[in-house]
Amino acid sequence: MQLPSFIRPVSAFDLRDRRILFLMAIVGFVVGYGGSQMAHTLPFARQTLELTEGQMSNLMAIVRAVSLLGVGFAMVADRKGRRRPLLAAFALLCLGSLLTAFIPSVALYAISQSIVRVAVVAVAGIGLVLLAEELSPTSRGYGLGLYGLAGSLGVGTGLLLLPIAERTDGAWRILFALGGLGLLAYPMLARFLPESRAFRPGPGISFLKALNMGLAKHFWPLAGIAFFVAAFSSPAFDFVLERLINDLGWETGAARFLLIVFSGVGTIGLLAGGRLADLIGRRRTVVAALITGLAGGLGFYLSDNGWVLAASIFLATLGATMLTPSLGAQRAELFPTRVRATAGGWITNTAIAGSITGFIIGGVLIDRIGLSATIAILSAGLVISMGLVLTLPETKGMNLVRLRADRARTTTPVPPPESGSEAPSPPTPDFDPTEQLPPSP
């Protein structure tokens, strides 16, 4: 049976592409597993810690607030290279997961999970930049989709292991302990993970100065999209099991089965979204993803019919996973090399601010008007995001690795095409606005 053309493997992957995808898939799997455990174990941890839904929402907001520190890793990545801060964040995530397994109090639980979230933020931003810079331009979106798929497999593994949390009151801690096993992969990553070809050591550039040079017109729409999407999706995804188990009265096994099957099928959006972004462009794919995710999210929280819930989980997952590679590729392509990781870090921080806002709104409203009504109010942000997407330029096929050979080609006159042949494609522009900036004082 042949897959549809838009999700068939891309033959443009060369040996270097395949190596970086394999190594980053390991990173993505571990981060996907470790970063999702707070949400997966929420119904069990909340009861063990004796917190209400509103109090748990506030605790999640605190954890998100601390994770704003992850931008520091991105700043280091623009000055010292992508590889070392990525490895440091990966190790920190595994250690934070181990700490959570042995932390007895609410305060220490929040601290250990804050460590995990800082690492998740750092890996998410730097990993996307490293992959975008290493992958071939014609398959960048699809490659980012494969990376996202590895993360989804990590999330799915956490769901498969969720029955462990039902055994005793504190058994959910075992799932966090398993996250520490990622440290076993660290020696291999430290040895074989390459530095980005695009990164060039040099003096640091102030991100504010780069914004003043014209990057603000791209940064603020992307930041707005990140904010509104996170404000809706963070509470919507983190309270899925809470709604099924404690609000609708589903058995844990049935809720877990529903999520595994229908969210698992929905992760095809990672491949479809990445491939569509390479074929039809980033902007149209992002808008389609937002519409799909909005329909699924509202369907899940406004209905109690099992079939509607199943279809909604599929659509919500499809939309979210389509968004990941298409918006991720566009974000990397809109910023020059010397500030790419920092820009991504601040956009990620804006998303965290959106998550915090969503959870704070949840802390205020959920105990008053209910979980479903709160999520419906937050969904308005996705409509705003669709308008912001349309203000951004299309970046499909942009080359992010500027080598001397590329510069030579851009200055070599192109001979006229032979009769009957197609005109050659224009060379990739080799302009980095931050190259013209003096070093920051």
Protein backbone atom coordinates (compact mmCIF):
# COMPACT_ATOMS: atom_id res chain seq x y z
CA MET A 1 0.00 0.00 0.00
CA GLN A 2 1.45 3.34 -1.07
CA LEU A 3 1.23 6.39 1.16
CA PRO A 4 -0.31 9.59 -0.24
CA SER A 5 2.19 11.72 -2.11
CA PHE A 6 2.15 14.53 0.44
CA ILE A 7 3.39 12.28 3.28
CA ARG A 8 5.76 9.97 1.36
CA PRO A 9 9.39 10.13 2.52
CA VAL A 10 11.45 12.88 0.94
CA SER A 11 14.32 11.52 -1.16
CA ALA A 12 16.30 14.73 -0.62
CA PHE A 13 17.51 13.53 2.81
CA ASP A 14 21.27 12.99 2.51
CA LEU A 15 23.56 11.19 4.98
CA ARG A 16 24.02 14.29 7.13
CA ASP A 17 20.24 14.85 7.21
CA ARG A 18 19.65 11.29 8.35
CA ARG A 19 22.31 11.45 11.06
CA ILE A 20 21.03 14.65 12.62
CA LEU A 21 17.44 13.38 12.43
CA PHE A 22 18.38 10.15 14.22
CA LEU A 23 20.22 11.93 17.03
CA MET A 24 17.58 14.62 17.47
CA ALA A 25 14.84 11.96 17.41
CA ILE A 26 16.40 10.50 20.55
CA VAL A 27 16.40 13.95 22.15
CA GLY A 28 12.82 14.56 21.04
CA PHE A 29 11.60 11.23 22.41
CA VAL A 30 13.12 11.79 25.86
CA VAL A 31 11.92 15.40 26.02
CA GLY A 32 8.44 14.40 24.83
CA TYR A 33 8.19 11.78 27.55
CA GLY A 34 9.66 13.82 30.39
CA GLY A 35 7.91 17.05 29.50
CA SER A 36 4.45 15.46 29.36
CA GLN A 37 4.46 13.63 32.68
CA MET A 38 3.15 16.54 34.71
CA ALA A 39 0.03 16.63 32.52
CA HIS A 40 -0.34 12.84 32.30
CA THR A 41 -0.12 12.29 36.04
CA LEU A 42 -2.21 15.36 36.93
CA PRO A 43 -5.33 13.45 38.13
CA PHE A 44 -3.20 11.29 40.45
CA ALA A 45 -0.65 13.86 41.61
CA ARG A 46 -3.38 16.42 42.29
CA GLN A 47 -5.15 14.07 44.66
CA THR A 48 -1.94 12.96 46.38
CA LEU A 49 -0.92 16.59 46.86
CA GLU A 50 -4.51 17.46 47.95
CA LEU A 51 -5.02 20.31 45.45
CA THR A 52 -8.20 21.50 43.71
CA GLU A 53 -8.33 21.91 39.93
CA GLY A 54 -7.96 25.66 40.32
CA GLN A 55 -4.99 25.29 42.68
CA MET A 56 -3.32 22.87 40.27
CA SER A 57 -3.85 25.39 37.46
CA ASN A 58 -2.10 28.04 39.57
CA LEU A 59 0.78 25.65 40.32
CA MET A 60 1.19 24.99 36.59
CA ALA A 61 1.29 28.74 36.01
CA ILE A 62 4.13 29.04 38.55
CA VAL A 63 6.08 26.25 36.83
CA ARG A 64 5.63 27.98 33.47
CA ALA A 65 6.81 31.27 34.95
CA VAL A 66 10.08 29.73 36.13
CA SER A 67 10.61 28.16 32.71
CA LEU A 68 11.09 31.66 31.28
CA LEU A 69 14.70 31.22 32.36
CA GLY A 70 15.13 28.83 29.44
CA VAL A 71 15.85 31.80 27.17
CA GLY A 72 19.30 31.96 28.73
CA PHE A 73 20.22 28.74 26.95
CA ALA A 74 19.13 30.29 23.63
CA MET A 75 21.33 33.34 24.20
CA VAL A 76 24.32 31.09 24.85
CA ALA A 77 23.47 29.14 21.68
CA ASP A 78 23.83 32.29 19.55
CA ARG A 79 27.20 33.11 21.10
CA LYS A 80 28.85 29.76 21.81
CA GLY A 81 27.11 27.36 19.44
CA ARG A 82 23.99 25.20 19.51
CA ARG A 83 25.48 21.90 20.62
CA ARG A 84 26.69 22.50 24.19
CA PRO A 85 23.62 24.30 25.60
CA LEU A 86 21.39 21.69 23.97
CA LEU A 87 23.28 18.86 25.69
CA ALA A 88 23.23 20.70 29.02
CA ALA A 89 19.46 21.23 28.83
CA PHE A 90 18.90 17.57 27.90
CA ALA A 91 20.83 16.41 30.99
CA LEU A 92 18.97 18.93 33.19
CA LEU A 93 15.61 17.56 32.04
CA CYS A 94 16.53 14.01 32.96
CA LEU A 95 17.81 15.09 36.39
CA GLY A 96 14.66 17.12 37.05
CA SER A 97 12.50 14.10 36.27
CA LEU A 98 14.51 11.99 38.73
CA LEU A 99 14.09 14.64 41.44
CA THR A 100 10.31 14.68 40.95
CA ALA A 101 10.20 10.96 41.65
CA PHE A 102 11.55 11.49 45.16
CA ILE A 103 10.01 14.86 46.12
CA PRO A 104 7.33 14.60 48.86
CA SER A 105 5.88 18.14 49.15
CA VAL A 106 3.94 20.53 46.91
CA ALA A 107 6.70 23.16 46.99
CA LEU A 108 9.46 20.73 46.05
CA TYR A 109 7.26 19.15 43.40
CA ALA A 110 6.89 22.61 41.84
CA ILE A 111 10.65 23.20 42.00
CA SER A 112 11.61 19.90 40.36
CA GLN A 113 9.03 20.32 37.61
CA SER A 114 10.20 23.89 37.06
CA ILE A 115 13.66 22.45 36.35
CA VAL A 116 12.09 20.09 33.82
CA ARG A 117 10.17 22.91 32.15
CA VAL A 118 13.26 25.14 31.87
CA ALA A 119 15.02 22.26 30.11
CA VAL A 120 12.02 21.54 27.85
CA VAL A 121 11.92 25.18 26.77
CA ALA A 122 15.67 25.24 26.09
CA VAL A 123 15.68 21.99 24.09
CA ALA A 124 12.58 22.98 22.14
CA GLY A 125 14.09 26.25 20.98
CA ILE A 126 17.67 25.19 20.32
CA GLY A 127 16.72 21.81 18.87
CA LEU A 128 14.47 23.43 16.28
CA VAL A 129 17.22 25.87 15.29
CA LEU A 130 19.88 23.17 15.01
CA LEU A 131 17.65 20.98 12.87
CA ALA A 132 16.50 23.84 10.66
CA GLU A 133 20.10 24.86 10.01
CA GLU A 134 21.30 21.32 9.31
CA LEU A 135 18.47 20.01 7.12
CA SER A 136 18.25 20.57 3.37
CA PRO A 137 15.93 23.50 2.48
CA THR A 138 13.67 21.37 0.28
CA SER A 139 12.90 18.90 3.10
CA ARG A 140 13.18 21.13 6.18
CA GLY A 141 9.49 21.12 7.03
CA TYR A 142 9.20 17.36 6.62
CA GLY A 143 12.33 16.79 8.73
CA LEU A 144 10.94 18.97 11.52
CA GLY A 145 7.77 16.92 11.30
CA LEU A 146 9.75 13.71 11.84
CA TYR A 147 11.45 15.32 14.85
CA GLY A 148 8.04 16.23 16.21
CA LEU A 149 6.87 12.67 15.61
CA ALA A 150 9.70 11.38 17.82
CA GLY A 151 8.50 13.72 20.57
CA SER A 152 4.94 12.46 20.12
CA LEU A 153 6.16 8.89 20.48
CA GLY A 154 7.68 9.91 23.81
CA VAL A 155 4.35 11.41 24.87
CA GLY A 156 2.54 8.26 23.73
CA THR A 157 4.92 6.05 25.66
CA GLY A 158 4.01 7.99 28.78
CA LEU A 159 0.34 7.26 28.12
CA LEU A 160 1.04 3.56 27.60
CA LEU A 161 2.79 3.43 30.96
CA LEU A 162 0.06 5.40 32.75
CA PRO A 163 -1.53 2.29 34.38
CA ILE A 164 1.53 2.24 36.66
CA ALA A 165 0.15 5.38 38.32
CA GLU A 166 -3.04 3.54 39.37
CA ARG A 167 -1.34 0.94 41.54
CA THR A 168 -0.89 3.01 44.72
CA ASP A 169 -1.31 6.63 45.78
CA GLY A 170 2.32 7.49 45.03
CA ALA A 171 2.93 5.17 42.09
CA TRP A 172 2.76 8.08 39.64
CA ARG A 173 6.28 9.01 40.80
CA ILE A 174 7.63 5.91 39.04
CA LEU A 175 6.77 7.50 35.69
CA PHE A 176 8.98 10.47 36.54
CA ALA A 177 11.81 8.17 37.59
CA LEU A 178 11.71 6.51 34.16
CA GLY A 179 12.39 9.92 32.61
CA GLY A 180 15.82 9.82 34.21
CA LEU A 181 16.76 6.89 31.98
CA GLY A 182 17.39 9.43 29.23
CA LEU A 183 20.79 10.00 30.83
CA LEU A 184 21.85 6.68 29.30
CA ALA A 185 21.73 8.32 25.86
CA TYR A 186 23.83 11.29 26.91
CA PRO A 187 27.29 9.78 26.14
CA MET A 188 26.24 8.95 22.57
CA LEU A 189 24.76 12.40 22.01
CA ALA A 190 27.83 14.10 23.47
CA ARG A 191 30.05 12.17 21.06
CA PHE A 192 28.12 12.33 17.80
CA LEU A 193 25.81 15.38 17.90
CA PRO A 194 27.39 17.94 15.50
CA GLU A 195 27.58 21.69 15.75
CA SER A 196 25.41 23.57 13.26
CA ARG A 197 26.97 24.31 9.87
CA ALA A 198 25.32 27.72 9.91
CA PHE A 199 26.75 28.84 13.24
CA ARG A 200 29.77 31.13 13.05
CA PRO A 201 31.59 32.19 16.23
CA GLY A 202 31.69 35.94 16.67
CA PRO A 203 30.83 38.83 18.99
CA GLY A 204 27.34 38.87 20.42
CA ILE A 205 24.56 40.96 18.93
CA SER A 206 21.94 42.69 21.04
CA PHE A 207 18.55 41.28 20.14
CA LEU A 208 16.95 44.70 20.73
CA LYS A 209 19.39 46.18 18.22
CA ALA A 210 18.47 43.47 15.72
CA LEU A 211 14.78 44.30 16.19
CA ASN A 212 15.51 47.94 15.46
CA MET A 213 17.20 46.88 12.21
CA GLY A 214 13.91 45.55 10.85
CA LEU A 215 13.36 42.16 12.48
CA ALA A 216 10.51 43.48 14.66
CA LYS A 217 8.05 43.19 11.76
CA HIS A 218 8.53 39.42 11.89
CA PHE A 219 9.07 38.96 15.62
CA TRP A 220 5.89 40.53 16.99
CA PRO A 221 3.40 38.63 14.80
CA LEU A 222 5.18 35.36 15.61
CA ALA A 223 5.22 36.27 19.30
CA GLY A 224 1.51 37.04 19.17
CA ILE A 225 0.73 33.72 17.52
CA ALA A 226 2.81 31.89 20.12
CA PHE A 227 1.07 33.72 22.97
CA PHE A 228 -2.52 33.11 21.89
CA VAL A 229 -1.97 29.51 20.81
CA ALA A 230 -0.31 28.65 24.13
CA ALA A 231 -2.96 30.45 26.20
CA PHE A 232 -5.55 28.14 24.66
CA SER A 233 -3.64 24.91 24.12
CA SER A 234 -1.79 24.61 27.45
CA PRO A 235 -4.90 24.39 29.66
CA ALA A 236 -6.83 22.55 26.93
CA PHE A 237 -4.24 19.75 26.61
CA ASP A 238 -3.18 19.56 30.27
CA PHE A 239 -6.75 19.08 31.51
CA VAL A 240 -7.77 16.39 29.00
CA LEU A 241 -7.42 13.48 31.42
CA GLU A 242 -8.85 15.57 34.23
CA ARG A 243 -11.99 16.16 32.17
CA LEU A 244 -12.38 12.54 31.12
CA ILE A 245 -11.64 10.94 34.49
CA ASN A 246 -12.86 13.38 37.14
CA ASP A 247 -15.46 15.47 35.24
CA LEU A 248 -17.06 12.87 32.94
CA GLY A 249 -16.41 9.85 35.14
CA TRP A 250 -14.48 7.74 32.65
CA GLU A 251 -12.36 4.85 33.85
CA THR A 252 -8.63 5.55 33.57
CA GLY A 253 -8.16 2.66 31.13
CA ALA A 254 -10.92 3.89 28.82
CA ALA A 255 -9.64 7.47 28.91
CA ARG A 256 -6.12 6.31 28.21
CA PHE A 257 -7.32 4.12 25.30
CA LEU A 258 -9.21 7.05 23.77
CA LEU A 259 -6.16 9.28 23.95
CA ILE A 260 -3.69 6.70 22.68
CA VAL A 261 -5.78 5.70 19.67
CA PHE A 262 -7.20 8.99 18.46
CA SER A 263 -4.34 11.28 19.41
CA GLY A 264 -1.98 8.66 17.99
CA VAL A 265 -3.74 8.75 14.63
CA GLY A 266 -3.82 12.54 14.81
CA THR A 267 -0.04 12.76 14.98
CA ILE A 268 0.00 12.10 11.23
CA GLY A 269 -0.30 15.90 11.18
CA LEU A 270 3.44 16.08 11.90
CA LEU A 271 4.18 14.43 8.55
CA ALA A 272 1.31 16.00 6.65
CA GLY A 273 1.98 19.47 8.08
CA GLY A 274 5.69 19.30 7.35
CA ARG A 275 5.19 18.00 3.83
CA LEU A 276 2.44 20.50 3.04
CA ALA A 277 4.62 23.32 4.36
CA ASP A 278 7.32 22.26 1.86
CA LEU A 279 4.79 21.95 -0.98
CA ILE A 280 2.21 24.72 -0.61
CA GLY A 281 4.00 27.01 1.83
CA ARG A 282 4.18 27.79 5.53
CA ARG A 283 1.38 30.35 5.82
CA ARG A 284 -1.45 28.32 4.31
CA THR A 285 -0.45 25.24 6.31
CA VAL A 286 -0.38 27.22 9.57
CA VAL A 287 -3.85 28.67 8.99
CA ALA A 288 -5.27 25.23 8.15
CA ALA A 289 -3.68 23.82 11.32
CA LEU A 290 -5.20 26.55 13.50
CA ILE A 291 -8.70 25.99 12.10
CA THR A 292 -8.44 22.25 12.63
CA GLY A 293 -7.11 22.58 16.18
CA LEU A 294 -9.83 25.07 17.11
CA ALA A 295 -12.58 22.74 15.91
CA GLY A 296 -11.12 19.82 17.83
CA GLY A 297 -10.50 21.70 21.07
CA LEU A 298 -14.00 23.16 21.25
CA GLY A 299 -15.58 19.83 20.33
CA PHE A 300 -13.81 18.05 23.17
CA TYR A 301 -14.78 20.50 25.90
CA LEU A 302 -18.33 21.26 24.73
CA SER A 303 -19.55 17.69 24.21
CA ASP A 304 -19.85 14.59 26.40
CA ASN A 305 -20.67 12.16 23.57
CA GLY A 306 -17.98 9.50 23.26
CA TRP A 307 -17.80 9.59 19.45
CA VAL A 308 -17.63 13.37 19.38
CA LEU A 309 -14.89 13.29 22.01
CA ALA A 310 -12.92 10.78 19.93
CA ALA A 311 -13.25 12.83 16.73
CA SER A 312 -12.36 16.00 18.63
CA ILE A 313 -9.20 14.47 20.09
CA PHE A 314 -8.18 13.45 16.58
CA LEU A 315 -8.82 16.92 15.13
CA ALA A 316 -7.16 18.75 18.02
CA THR A 317 -4.08 16.56 17.73
CA LEU A 318 -4.04 16.84 13.94
CA GLY A 319 -4.18 20.63 14.11
CA ALA A 320 -1.54 20.92 16.84
CA THR A 321 0.85 18.56 15.08
CA MET A 322 0.37 20.21 11.69
CA LEU A 323 1.26 23.53 13.31
CA THR A 324 4.53 22.31 14.83
CA PRO A 325 6.71 21.78 11.71
CA SER A 326 5.13 24.49 9.55
CA LEU A 327 5.32 27.30 12.11
CA GLY A 328 8.67 26.02 13.40
CA ALA A 329 10.23 26.16 9.94
CA GLN A 330 8.85 29.63 9.29
CA ARG A 331 10.12 30.88 12.64
CA ALA A 332 13.66 29.68 11.92
CA GLU A 333 13.64 31.04 8.38
CA LEU A 334 12.54 34.56 9.28
CA PHE A 335 15.59 35.32 11.47
CA PRO A 336 19.31 35.52 10.59
CA THR A 337 21.85 33.10 12.03
CA ARG A 338 23.39 35.36 14.66
CA VAL A 339 20.09 35.94 16.47
CA ARG A 340 18.06 32.91 15.36
CA ALA A 341 18.24 31.00 18.65
CA THR A 342 17.68 34.12 20.75
CA ALA A 343 14.67 35.12 18.67
CA GLY A 344 13.30 31.62 19.04
CA GLY A 345 13.95 31.76 22.78
CA TRP A 346 12.01 34.99 23.21
CA ILE A 347 9.16 33.68 21.07
CA THR A 348 9.12 30.58 23.26
CA ASN A 349 9.06 32.83 26.33
CA THR A 350 6.10 34.66 24.85
CA ALA A 351 4.40 31.29 24.45
CA ILE A 352 5.18 30.55 28.10
CA ALA A 353 3.64 33.89 29.04
CA GLY A 354 0.59 32.76 27.07
CA SER A 355 0.54 29.48 29.00
CA ILE A 356 0.80 31.34 32.29
CA THR A 357 -2.04 33.64 31.24
CA GLY A 358 -4.16 30.66 30.25
CA PHE A 359 -3.55 28.89 33.55
CA ILE A 360 -4.15 32.06 35.58
CA ILE A 361 -7.44 32.58 33.76
CA GLY A 362 -8.14 28.93 34.50
CA GLY A 363 -7.33 29.44 38.18
CA VAL A 364 -9.79 32.32 38.32
CA LEU A 365 -12.61 30.90 36.18
CA ILE A 366 -12.57 27.09 36.33
CA ASP A 367 -13.89 26.81 39.90
CA ARG A 368 -16.51 29.50 39.10
CA ILE A 369 -17.88 28.79 35.60
CA GLY A 370 -16.43 25.37 34.87
CA LEU A 371 -13.62 23.91 32.81
CA SER A 372 -15.49 23.77 29.49
CA ALA A 373 -16.66 27.39 29.54
CA THR A 374 -13.14 28.54 30.43
CA ILE A 375 -11.59 26.71 27.48
CA ALA A 376 -14.24 28.15 25.15
CA ILE A 377 -13.30 31.69 26.23
CA LEU A 378 -9.60 31.02 25.64
CA SER A 379 -10.27 29.68 22.13
CA ALA A 380 -10.80 33.23 20.84
CA GLY A 381 -7.02 33.57 20.75
CA LEU A 382 -6.76 31.10 17.87
CA VAL A 383 -8.93 33.33 15.70
CA ILE A 384 -6.61 36.27 16.41
CA SER A 385 -3.63 34.06 15.53
CA MET A 386 -5.04 33.35 12.07
CA GLY A 387 -5.03 37.05 11.29
CA LEU A 388 -1.44 37.43 12.50
CA VAL A 389 -0.25 34.60 10.25
CA LEU A 390 -1.39 36.52 7.19
CA THR A 391 0.95 39.41 8.04
CA LEU A 392 4.05 37.22 7.66
CA PRO A 393 5.94 36.58 4.41
CA GLU A 394 6.20 33.14 2.83
CA THR A 395 9.61 31.52 3.46
CA LYS A 396 9.33 28.11 1.75
CA GLY A 397 12.69 26.80 0.47
CA MET A 398 14.93 29.42 2.08
CA ASN A 399 18.59 28.45 2.48
CA LEU A 400 19.90 28.99 6.02
CA VAL A 401 23.52 27.91 5.49
CA ARG A 402 25.51 30.73 3.88
CA LEU A 403 28.81 29.31 2.66
CA ARG A 404 31.50 31.06 0.63
CA ALA A 405 30.63 28.89 -2.33
CA ASP A 406 27.05 30.10 -2.10
CA ARG A 407 28.27 33.70 -2.09
CA ALA A 408 30.36 33.05 -5.16
CA ARG A 409 27.37 31.67 -7.00
CA THR A 410 25.26 34.70 -6.13
CA THR A 411 27.82 36.99 -7.75
CA THR A 412 28.46 34.87 -10.85
CA PRO A 413 26.46 36.03 -13.88
CA VAL A 414 23.85 33.49 -14.91
CA PRO A 415 23.88 32.68 -18.64
CA PRO A 416 20.60 32.99 -20.50
CA PRO A 417 18.64 29.73 -20.73
CA GLU A 418 18.71 27.71 -23.88
CA SER A 419 15.72 27.89 -26.11
CA GLY A 420 12.88 25.81 -24.75
CA SER A 421 14.41 25.29 -21.33
CA GLU A 422 13.20 26.68 -18.03
CA ALA A 423 14.82 29.76 -16.57
CA PRO A 424 17.05 28.98 -13.59
CA SER A 425 15.75 29.68 -10.11
CA PRO A 426 17.04 32.87 -8.51
CA PRO A 427 19.84 32.33 -5.99
CA THR A 428 19.03 32.35 -2.31
CA PRO A 429 19.52 35.88 -0.92
CA ASP A 430 22.64 36.03 1.24
CA PHE A 431 21.71 38.94 3.47
CA ASP A 432 21.90 38.85 7.23
CA PRO A 433 20.88 42.22 8.71
CA THR A 434 22.74 41.52 11.92
CA GLU A 435 26.00 41.14 9.96
CA GLN A 436 25.94 44.94 9.59
CA LEU A 437 25.61 45.57 13.32
CA PRO A 438 28.51 46.38 15.64
CA PRO A 439 29.06 44.13 18.66
CA SER A 440 26.96 44.82 21.72
CA PRO A 441 28.78 46.83 24.39
